[in-house]
């Protein structure tokens, strides 16, 4: 029989840098999760992922045990690092902040493929291209 689920939490933490300090500690503490065990487990699983933000889904059970499901970094984070900018444009239609090549879009799409709702690389590139345009990044054909 499956364990009864108490709650499901969605967290976004920089890879390998989970600490018991806020905002992680208080969020996990209110659900009875062993904070140090979570931080150690998360850091071990993400230590090879560089300095990307890693979303995770934390399923907490009634007996205070938990499961961690890691996702791929957010598309905006991957795009910012590819173009080497701090943040996207506040007015993406008029103010452009950088340029990205088709090859870079394909690399990002391959990285994001497990979390996208398509199995076709061309469609995945279109999804990434839309995010790039919304951030004020020009796509070079």
Protein backbone atom coordinates (compact mmCIF):
# COMPACT_ATOMS: atom_id res chain seq x y z
CA UNK A 1 0.00 0.00 0.00
CA UNK A 2 1.29 3.47 -0.88
CA UNK A 3 2.18 5.92 1.87
CA UNK A 4 -0.39 8.69 2.40
CA UNK A 5 0.85 12.01 1.00
CA UNK A 6 0.75 14.94 3.42
CA UNK A 7 1.69 17.68 0.94
CA UNK A 8 3.61 18.49 -2.23
CA UNK A 9 6.00 21.45 -2.34
CA UNK A 10 7.58 23.13 -5.36
CA UNK A 11 10.95 24.73 -4.70
CA UNK A 12 13.53 26.44 -6.91
CA UNK A 13 17.01 26.28 -5.43
CA UNK A 14 20.43 26.94 -6.89
CA UNK A 15 22.20 23.65 -7.60
CA UNK A 16 24.28 22.38 -4.69
CA UNK A 17 23.44 25.37 -2.48
CA UNK A 18 20.47 24.29 -0.37
CA UNK A 19 20.82 25.51 3.23
CA UNK A 20 18.53 25.38 6.28
CA UNK A 21 18.32 29.20 6.17
CA UNK A 22 15.20 30.97 4.94
CA UNK A 23 13.30 30.50 2.70
CA UNK A 24 13.99 26.72 2.60
CA UNK A 25 14.18 25.98 6.33
CA UNK A 26 10.87 27.55 7.44
CA UNK A 27 9.02 26.15 4.42
CA UNK A 28 10.14 22.58 5.14
CA UNK A 29 9.94 22.93 8.93
CA UNK A 30 6.23 23.71 8.93
CA UNK A 31 5.61 20.36 7.22
CA UNK A 32 7.82 18.39 9.61
CA UNK A 33 10.57 17.59 7.09
CA UNK A 34 14.09 16.90 8.35
CA UNK A 35 15.67 20.05 6.88
CA UNK A 36 19.29 18.92 7.11
CA UNK A 37 18.50 15.59 5.46
CA UNK A 38 16.72 17.41 2.59
CA UNK A 39 19.61 19.87 2.12
CA UNK A 40 22.20 17.06 2.06
CA UNK A 41 20.17 14.94 -0.36
CA UNK A 42 19.40 17.89 -2.68
CA UNK A 43 23.02 19.09 -2.71
CA UNK A 44 24.30 15.57 -3.47
CA UNK A 45 21.88 15.17 -6.39
CA UNK A 46 22.63 18.60 -7.88
CA UNK A 47 26.35 19.15 -7.20
CA UNK A 48 27.23 18.44 -10.86
CA UNK A 49 24.61 20.82 -12.34
CA UNK A 50 26.77 23.98 -12.17
CA UNK A 51 25.25 27.20 -10.89
CA UNK A 52 21.81 26.75 -12.44
CA UNK A 53 18.55 27.12 -10.55
CA UNK A 54 17.03 23.64 -10.20
CA UNK A 55 13.27 23.32 -9.64
CA UNK A 56 12.25 20.35 -7.53
CA UNK A 57 8.99 18.81 -6.46
CA UNK A 58 9.12 17.60 -2.88
CA UNK A 59 6.48 15.06 -1.90
CA UNK A 60 6.09 14.90 1.89
CA UNK A 61 4.40 11.84 3.41
CA UNK A 62 2.51 11.51 6.71
CA UNK A 63 5.44 9.70 8.35
CA UNK A 64 7.65 12.78 7.56
CA UNK A 65 9.63 10.96 4.88
CA UNK A 66 9.93 12.63 1.49
CA UNK A 67 10.80 12.14 -2.17
CA UNK A 68 12.65 14.68 -4.31
CA UNK A 69 11.91 14.94 -8.03
CA UNK A 70 14.34 17.20 -9.90
CA UNK A 71 13.37 19.13 -13.02
CA UNK A 72 15.49 20.86 -15.66
CA UNK A 73 16.54 24.50 -15.10
CA UNK A 74 14.00 27.18 -16.09
CA UNK A 75 14.18 28.20 -19.75
CA UNK A 76 14.76 31.83 -18.82
CA UNK A 77 17.78 30.84 -16.71
CA UNK A 78 19.26 28.80 -19.58
CA UNK A 79 18.66 31.67 -22.02
CA UNK A 80 20.20 34.27 -19.70
CA UNK A 81 23.35 32.18 -19.32
CA UNK A 82 23.57 31.48 -23.08
CA UNK A 83 23.30 35.17 -23.97
CA UNK A 84 25.30 36.27 -20.90
CA UNK A 85 22.81 38.82 -19.55
CA UNK A 86 21.60 39.52 -16.01
CA UNK A 87 17.88 39.70 -16.80
CA UNK A 88 15.41 39.93 -19.64
CA UNK A 89 14.03 43.16 -21.08
CA UNK A 90 11.26 45.05 -19.31
CA UNK A 91 9.86 46.03 -22.72
CA UNK A 92 10.74 43.08 -25.00
CA UNK A 93 9.00 44.50 -28.10
CA UNK A 94 11.09 47.69 -28.14
CA UNK A 95 14.22 47.07 -26.05
CA UNK A 96 16.36 44.11 -27.10
CA UNK A 97 18.96 42.77 -24.64
CA UNK A 98 20.85 40.23 -26.74
CA UNK A 99 20.97 37.77 -29.62
CA UNK A 100 20.89 33.98 -29.71
CA UNK A 101 21.67 31.58 -32.53
CA UNK A 102 19.57 28.68 -33.81
CA UNK A 103 22.27 26.26 -32.62
CA UNK A 104 22.08 27.64 -29.06
CA UNK A 105 18.28 27.30 -29.14
CA UNK A 106 18.61 23.66 -30.18
CA UNK A 107 21.04 22.96 -27.29
CA UNK A 108 18.63 24.54 -24.80
CA UNK A 109 15.68 22.62 -26.31
CA UNK A 110 17.58 19.32 -25.93
CA UNK A 111 18.28 20.17 -22.30
CA UNK A 112 14.62 21.07 -21.62
CA UNK A 113 13.12 18.17 -23.61
CA UNK A 114 12.17 15.99 -20.58
CA UNK A 115 10.01 18.80 -19.13
CA UNK A 116 8.39 20.05 -22.34
CA UNK A 117 5.09 18.77 -23.68
CA UNK A 118 6.58 17.63 -26.99
CA UNK A 119 8.95 14.96 -28.24
CA UNK A 120 9.74 16.81 -31.48
CA UNK A 121 12.96 18.88 -31.41
CA UNK A 122 11.64 21.46 -33.92
CA UNK A 123 8.57 22.12 -31.78
CA UNK A 124 10.75 22.34 -28.66
CA UNK A 125 12.93 24.94 -30.40
CA UNK A 126 9.79 26.96 -31.17
CA UNK A 127 8.78 26.87 -27.50
CA UNK A 128 12.24 28.09 -26.44
CA UNK A 129 12.18 30.74 -29.20
CA UNK A 130 8.91 32.11 -27.80
CA UNK A 131 10.44 32.47 -24.35
CA UNK A 132 13.49 34.19 -25.86
CA UNK A 133 11.30 36.70 -27.71
CA UNK A 134 9.35 37.42 -24.51
CA UNK A 135 12.65 38.17 -22.76
CA UNK A 136 13.74 40.64 -25.47
CA UNK A 137 16.31 38.32 -27.05
CA UNK A 138 16.57 38.41 -30.85
CA UNK A 139 16.76 35.04 -32.60
CA UNK A 140 19.27 34.90 -35.46
CA UNK A 141 18.19 32.62 -38.29
